[in-house]
Amino acid sequence: MPHCVIEHSDNIDGNMLIEAVHKGALASELFEPTGSDIKVRATSFSEYKTGVVDLKFVHVTLKILSGRTVEQKTMLSNTVLDKLNGLSLTNCSISVEVQDIDRASYAKVIV
């Protein structure tokens, strides 16, 4: 059930990033084997600053239900990072973080 939120500079193809992040989350084997519960979305930015140099950027936030170990979360972020790094982007900063969603307060309905 992870929500994978990609923020990226608008000079990178968002659909390519969505596929890579979905494959990375699926490869972690922490979610449904079919990948049907992995939700990925991307937002591009035309206005941004990356320090004192101009770099393209990709930042992924993986929001998952609480209860996973630090090792599982580290493996997840590294697996997604590896898939993104495999895209051979150049002059680009790529980062990934995992955030816990509190199980007690999470609510969901499919209508």
N, C-alpha and C. Protein backbone atom coordinates (compact mmCIF):
# COMPACT_ATOMS: atom_id res chain seq x y z
N MET A 1 0.79 -1.19 0.00
CA MET A 1 0.00 0.00 0.00
C MET A 1 0.83 1.26 0.00
N PRO A 2 2.07 1.18 -0.38
CA PRO A 2 2.87 2.40 -0.29
C PRO A 2 2.36 3.48 -1.25
N HIS A 3 2.53 4.71 -0.81
CA HIS A 3 2.30 5.86 -1.66
C HIS A 3 3.68 6.40 -1.99
N CYS A 4 4.06 6.31 -3.24
CA CYS A 4 5.37 6.76 -3.69
C CYS A 4 5.18 8.09 -4.39
N VAL A 5 5.71 9.14 -3.81
CA VAL A 5 5.54 10.48 -4.33
C VAL A 5 6.88 10.96 -4.89
N ILE A 6 6.90 11.23 -6.19
CA ILE A 6 8.12 11.67 -6.87
C ILE A 6 8.02 13.16 -7.13
N GLU A 7 9.01 13.90 -6.69
CA GLU A 7 9.16 15.31 -7.07
C GLU A 7 10.39 15.37 -7.96
N HIS A 8 10.30 16.08 -9.09
CA HIS A 8 11.44 16.10 -9.99
C HIS A 8 11.45 17.38 -10.82
N SER A 9 12.62 17.70 -11.33
CA SER A 9 12.73 18.85 -12.23
C SER A 9 12.02 18.52 -13.53
N ASP A 10 11.48 19.55 -14.17
CA ASP A 10 10.63 19.32 -15.34
C ASP A 10 11.40 18.92 -16.60
N ASN A 11 12.72 18.83 -16.50
CA ASN A 11 13.51 18.38 -17.65
C ASN A 11 13.82 16.88 -17.58
N ILE A 12 13.05 16.16 -16.77
CA ILE A 12 13.15 14.70 -16.67
C ILE A 12 11.77 14.12 -16.93
N ASP A 13 11.71 13.04 -17.68
CA ASP A 13 10.44 12.38 -18.02
C ASP A 13 9.82 11.72 -16.79
N GLY A 14 8.69 12.24 -16.34
CA GLY A 14 8.02 11.71 -15.16
C GLY A 14 7.55 10.29 -15.31
N ASN A 15 7.08 9.91 -16.50
CA ASN A 15 6.61 8.53 -16.70
C ASN A 15 7.74 7.53 -16.54
N MET A 16 8.94 7.88 -16.98
CA MET A 16 10.11 7.02 -16.82
C MET A 16 10.41 6.83 -15.33
N LEU A 17 10.29 7.90 -14.55
CA LEU A 17 10.54 7.83 -13.11
C LEU A 17 9.48 6.99 -12.42
N ILE A 18 8.23 7.15 -12.83
CA ILE A 18 7.14 6.37 -12.24
C ILE A 18 7.40 4.88 -12.43
N GLU A 19 7.79 4.48 -13.62
CA GLU A 19 8.06 3.06 -13.89
C GLU A 19 9.21 2.55 -13.03
N ALA A 20 10.28 3.34 -12.92
CA ALA A 20 11.45 2.92 -12.14
C ALA A 20 11.11 2.78 -10.66
N VAL A 21 10.37 3.73 -10.12
CA VAL A 21 10.00 3.68 -8.70
C VAL A 21 9.07 2.51 -8.44
N HIS A 22 8.11 2.28 -9.32
CA HIS A 22 7.21 1.14 -9.15
C HIS A 22 7.99 -0.16 -9.16
N LYS A 23 8.91 -0.31 -10.10
CA LYS A 23 9.73 -1.53 -10.17
C LYS A 23 10.60 -1.69 -8.93
N GLY A 24 11.13 -0.60 -8.42
CA GLY A 24 11.95 -0.66 -7.21
C GLY A 24 11.14 -1.08 -6.00
N ALA A 25 9.96 -0.50 -5.83
CA ALA A 25 9.10 -0.88 -4.71
C ALA A 25 8.69 -2.34 -4.82
N LEU A 26 8.37 -2.78 -6.03
CA LEU A 26 7.99 -4.17 -6.26
C LEU A 26 9.16 -5.12 -5.96
N ALA A 27 10.36 -4.74 -6.38
CA ALA A 27 11.55 -5.57 -6.16
C ALA A 27 11.90 -5.72 -4.68
N SER A 28 11.42 -4.81 -3.85
CA SER A 28 11.71 -4.90 -2.42
C SER A 28 11.02 -6.10 -1.77
N GLU A 29 9.99 -6.62 -2.40
CA GLU A 29 9.20 -7.74 -1.91
C GLU A 29 8.53 -7.44 -0.57
N LEU A 30 8.30 -6.16 -0.28
CA LEU A 30 7.61 -5.77 0.95
C LEU A 30 6.11 -5.58 0.74
N PHE A 31 5.66 -5.66 -0.52
CA PHE A 31 4.28 -5.36 -0.84
C PHE A 31 3.68 -6.51 -1.64
N GLU A 32 2.46 -6.36 -2.13
CA GLU A 32 1.80 -7.41 -2.89
C GLU A 32 2.68 -7.85 -4.06
N PRO A 33 2.83 -9.15 -4.29
CA PRO A 33 3.70 -9.65 -5.36
C PRO A 33 3.32 -9.14 -6.76
N THR A 34 2.06 -8.78 -6.95
CA THR A 34 1.63 -8.28 -8.26
C THR A 34 1.92 -6.78 -8.42
N GLY A 35 2.23 -6.13 -7.32
CA GLY A 35 2.46 -4.68 -7.37
C GLY A 35 1.19 -3.88 -7.42
N SER A 36 0.05 -4.55 -7.24
CA SER A 36 -1.24 -3.88 -7.37
C SER A 36 -1.50 -2.86 -6.27
N ASP A 37 -0.79 -2.96 -5.15
CA ASP A 37 -1.03 -2.03 -4.05
C ASP A 37 -0.02 -0.87 -4.02
N ILE A 38 0.87 -0.80 -4.99
CA ILE A 38 1.89 0.25 -5.03
C ILE A 38 1.35 1.42 -5.85
N LYS A 39 1.20 2.56 -5.18
CA LYS A 39 0.69 3.76 -5.85
C LYS A 39 1.84 4.73 -6.06
N VAL A 40 2.01 5.19 -7.29
CA VAL A 40 3.12 6.08 -7.61
C VAL A 40 2.57 7.30 -8.36
N ARG A 41 3.02 8.46 -7.96
CA ARG A 41 2.63 9.69 -8.66
C ARG A 41 3.82 10.63 -8.70
N ALA A 42 3.82 11.50 -9.70
CA ALA A 42 4.94 12.40 -9.90
C ALA A 42 4.47 13.83 -10.13
N THR A 43 5.25 14.75 -9.61
CA THR A 43 5.01 16.17 -9.83
C THR A 43 6.32 16.79 -10.29
N SER A 44 6.25 17.54 -11.39
CA SER A 44 7.47 18.19 -11.89
C SER A 44 7.47 19.65 -11.49
N PHE A 45 8.67 20.20 -11.37
CA PHE A 45 8.85 21.58 -10.98
C PHE A 45 9.71 22.30 -12.01
N SER A 46 9.25 23.47 -12.44
CA SER A 46 10.04 24.28 -13.36
C SER A 46 10.84 25.33 -12.60
N GLU A 47 10.43 25.60 -11.39
CA GLU A 47 11.11 26.60 -10.56
C GLU A 47 11.69 25.91 -9.34
N TYR A 48 13.00 25.91 -9.23
CA TYR A 48 13.69 25.25 -8.12
C TYR A 48 15.14 25.73 -8.08
N LYS A 49 15.81 25.46 -6.98
CA LYS A 49 17.23 25.76 -6.82
C LYS A 49 17.88 24.55 -6.16
N THR A 50 18.99 24.11 -6.70
CA THR A 50 19.70 22.96 -6.15
C THR A 50 21.09 23.41 -5.70
N GLY A 51 21.13 24.15 -4.63
CA GLY A 51 22.39 24.63 -4.09
C GLY A 51 22.97 25.74 -4.96
N VAL A 52 24.31 25.70 -5.13
CA VAL A 52 24.97 26.75 -5.90
C VAL A 52 25.25 26.32 -7.34
N VAL A 53 24.86 25.09 -7.68
CA VAL A 53 25.04 24.61 -9.06
C VAL A 53 23.67 24.22 -9.62
N ASP A 54 23.53 24.27 -10.92
CA ASP A 54 22.28 23.87 -11.55
C ASP A 54 22.30 22.38 -11.82
N LEU A 55 21.51 21.65 -11.06
CA LEU A 55 21.38 20.21 -11.24
C LEU A 55 19.91 19.88 -11.47
N LYS A 56 19.66 18.86 -12.28
CA LYS A 56 18.33 18.27 -12.32
C LYS A 56 18.16 17.56 -10.96
N PHE A 57 16.92 17.26 -10.60
CA PHE A 57 16.75 16.54 -9.33
C PHE A 57 15.57 15.58 -9.40
N VAL A 58 15.68 14.55 -8.57
CA VAL A 58 14.59 13.60 -8.33
C VAL A 58 14.60 13.34 -6.83
N HIS A 59 13.46 13.52 -6.19
CA HIS A 59 13.33 13.16 -4.78
C HIS A 59 12.07 12.31 -4.64
N VAL A 60 12.23 11.14 -4.03
CA VAL A 60 11.12 10.21 -3.85
C VAL A 60 10.84 10.05 -2.36
N THR A 61 9.59 10.22 -2.00
CA THR A 61 9.13 9.95 -0.64
C THR A 61 8.26 8.70 -0.70
N LEU A 62 8.65 7.68 0.04
CA LEU A 62 7.91 6.42 0.10
C LEU A 62 7.16 6.39 1.42
N LYS A 63 5.85 6.56 1.35
CA LYS A 63 5.02 6.57 2.55
C LYS A 63 4.43 5.18 2.73
N ILE A 64 4.82 4.53 3.84
CA ILE A 64 4.39 3.15 4.08
C ILE A 64 3.78 3.04 5.49
N LEU A 65 2.90 2.07 5.67
CA LEU A 65 2.32 1.86 6.99
C LEU A 65 3.40 1.52 8.00
N SER A 66 3.28 2.05 9.19
CA SER A 66 4.26 1.82 10.24
C SER A 66 4.35 0.33 10.59
N GLY A 67 5.47 -0.03 11.18
CA GLY A 67 5.66 -1.41 11.61
C GLY A 67 6.82 -2.12 10.94
N ARG A 68 7.39 -1.52 9.91
CA ARG A 68 8.55 -2.11 9.24
C ARG A 68 9.82 -1.80 10.03
N THR A 69 10.79 -2.69 9.93
CA THR A 69 12.06 -2.48 10.63
C THR A 69 12.90 -1.44 9.89
N VAL A 70 13.89 -0.92 10.59
CA VAL A 70 14.83 0.01 9.97
C VAL A 70 15.53 -0.67 8.80
N GLU A 71 15.86 -1.93 8.95
CA GLU A 71 16.52 -2.67 7.88
C GLU A 71 15.63 -2.78 6.65
N GLN A 72 14.35 -3.06 6.84
CA GLN A 72 13.42 -3.14 5.71
C GLN A 72 13.27 -1.80 5.02
N LYS A 73 13.19 -0.73 5.79
CA LYS A 73 13.05 0.60 5.21
C LYS A 73 14.32 1.02 4.47
N THR A 74 15.46 0.68 5.02
CA THR A 74 16.73 0.98 4.35
C THR A 74 16.84 0.21 3.04
N MET A 75 16.46 -1.06 3.07
CA MET A 75 16.50 -1.87 1.86
C MET A 75 15.55 -1.31 0.81
N LEU A 76 14.36 -0.88 1.22
CA LEU A 76 13.39 -0.30 0.30
C LEU A 76 13.96 0.95 -0.37
N SER A 77 14.49 1.86 0.41
CA SER A 77 15.01 3.10 -0.18
C SER A 77 16.19 2.80 -1.10
N ASN A 78 17.05 1.86 -0.72
CA ASN A 78 18.18 1.52 -1.58
C ASN A 78 17.75 0.82 -2.87
N THR A 79 16.72 -0.01 -2.79
CA THR A 79 16.22 -0.70 -3.98
C THR A 79 15.63 0.29 -4.97
N VAL A 80 14.85 1.24 -4.47
CA VAL A 80 14.28 2.27 -5.34
C VAL A 80 15.38 3.15 -5.90
N LEU A 81 16.34 3.53 -5.06
CA LEU A 81 17.47 4.35 -5.53
C LEU A 81 18.25 3.64 -6.63
N ASP A 82 18.46 2.35 -6.48
CA ASP A 82 19.18 1.58 -7.52
C ASP A 82 18.44 1.61 -8.85
N LYS A 83 17.11 1.47 -8.81
CA LYS A 83 16.32 1.52 -10.06
C LYS A 83 16.43 2.90 -10.71
N LEU A 84 16.37 3.94 -9.91
CA LEU A 84 16.50 5.30 -10.45
C LEU A 84 17.91 5.54 -10.99
N ASN A 85 18.90 5.07 -10.27
CA ASN A 85 20.28 5.22 -10.72
C ASN A 85 20.52 4.48 -12.02
N GLY A 86 19.80 3.41 -12.25
CA GLY A 86 19.90 2.64 -13.47
C GLY A 86 19.39 3.37 -14.71
N LEU A 87 18.71 4.48 -14.51
CA LEU A 87 18.21 5.26 -15.63
C LEU A 87 19.32 6.08 -16.30
N SER A 88 20.48 6.09 -15.70
CA SER A 88 21.65 6.80 -16.25
C SER A 88 21.38 8.29 -16.47
N LEU A 89 20.69 8.90 -15.52
CA LEU A 89 20.50 10.34 -15.58
C LEU A 89 21.84 11.02 -15.34
N THR A 90 22.06 12.16 -15.96
CA THR A 90 23.32 12.88 -15.76
C THR A 90 23.03 14.25 -15.16
N ASN A 91 24.02 14.77 -14.46
CA ASN A 91 23.91 16.09 -13.84
C ASN A 91 22.63 16.17 -13.01
N CYS A 92 22.43 15.14 -12.16
CA CYS A 92 21.16 14.99 -11.44
C CYS A 92 21.40 14.53 -10.01
N SER A 93 20.72 15.16 -9.08
CA SER A 93 20.71 14.73 -7.68
C SER A 93 19.49 13.83 -7.48
N ILE A 94 19.72 12.62 -6.97
CA ILE A 94 18.64 11.66 -6.74
C ILE A 94 18.62 11.31 -5.25
N SER A 95 17.46 11.44 -4.63
CA SER A 95 17.34 11.08 -3.22
C SER A 95 16.03 10.34 -2.97
N VAL A 96 16.05 9.50 -1.94
CA VAL A 96 14.88 8.69 -1.58
C VAL A 96 14.76 8.68 -0.06
N GLU A 97 13.54 8.82 0.44
CA GLU A 97 13.30 8.71 1.88
C GLU A 97 12.07 7.86 2.12
N VAL A 98 12.02 7.24 3.29
CA VAL A 98 10.86 6.45 3.70
C VAL A 98 10.23 7.14 4.90
N GLN A 99 8.92 7.31 4.84
CA GLN A 99 8.16 7.89 5.95
C GLN A 99 7.09 6.90 6.40
N ASP A 100 6.92 6.77 7.70
CA ASP A 100 5.88 5.91 8.24
C ASP A 100 4.53 6.63 8.25
N ILE A 101 3.50 5.89 7.89
CA ILE A 101 2.11 6.34 8.05
C ILE A 101 1.60 5.65 9.31
N ASP A 102 1.05 6.41 10.23
CA ASP A 102 0.54 5.85 11.47
C ASP A 102 -0.64 4.92 11.18
N ARG A 103 -0.49 3.65 11.53
CA ARG A 103 -1.55 2.67 11.27
C ARG A 103 -2.86 3.02 11.97
N ALA A 104 -2.76 3.50 13.19
CA ALA A 104 -3.96 3.76 13.98
C ALA A 104 -4.84 4.85 13.37
N SER A 105 -4.23 5.81 12.70
CA SER A 105 -5.03 6.92 12.17
C SER A 105 -5.26 6.85 10.67
N TYR A 106 -4.67 5.86 10.00
CA TYR A 106 -4.83 5.73 8.54
C TYR A 106 -6.23 5.19 8.23
N ALA A 107 -6.90 5.83 7.29
CA ALA A 107 -8.22 5.38 6.86
C ALA A 107 -8.24 5.29 5.34
N LYS A 108 -8.97 4.32 4.81
CA LYS A 108 -9.02 4.12 3.37
C LYS A 108 -10.37 3.52 3.00
N VAL A 109 -10.86 3.92 1.84
CA VAL A 109 -12.06 3.32 1.29
C VAL A 109 -11.90 3.31 -0.23
N ILE A 110 -12.40 2.28 -0.87
CA ILE A 110 -12.44 2.22 -2.33
C ILE A 110 -13.91 2.25 -2.71
N VAL A 111 -14.28 3.26 -3.51
CA VAL A 111 -15.70 3.41 -3.87
C VAL A 111 -15.92 3.19 -5.35
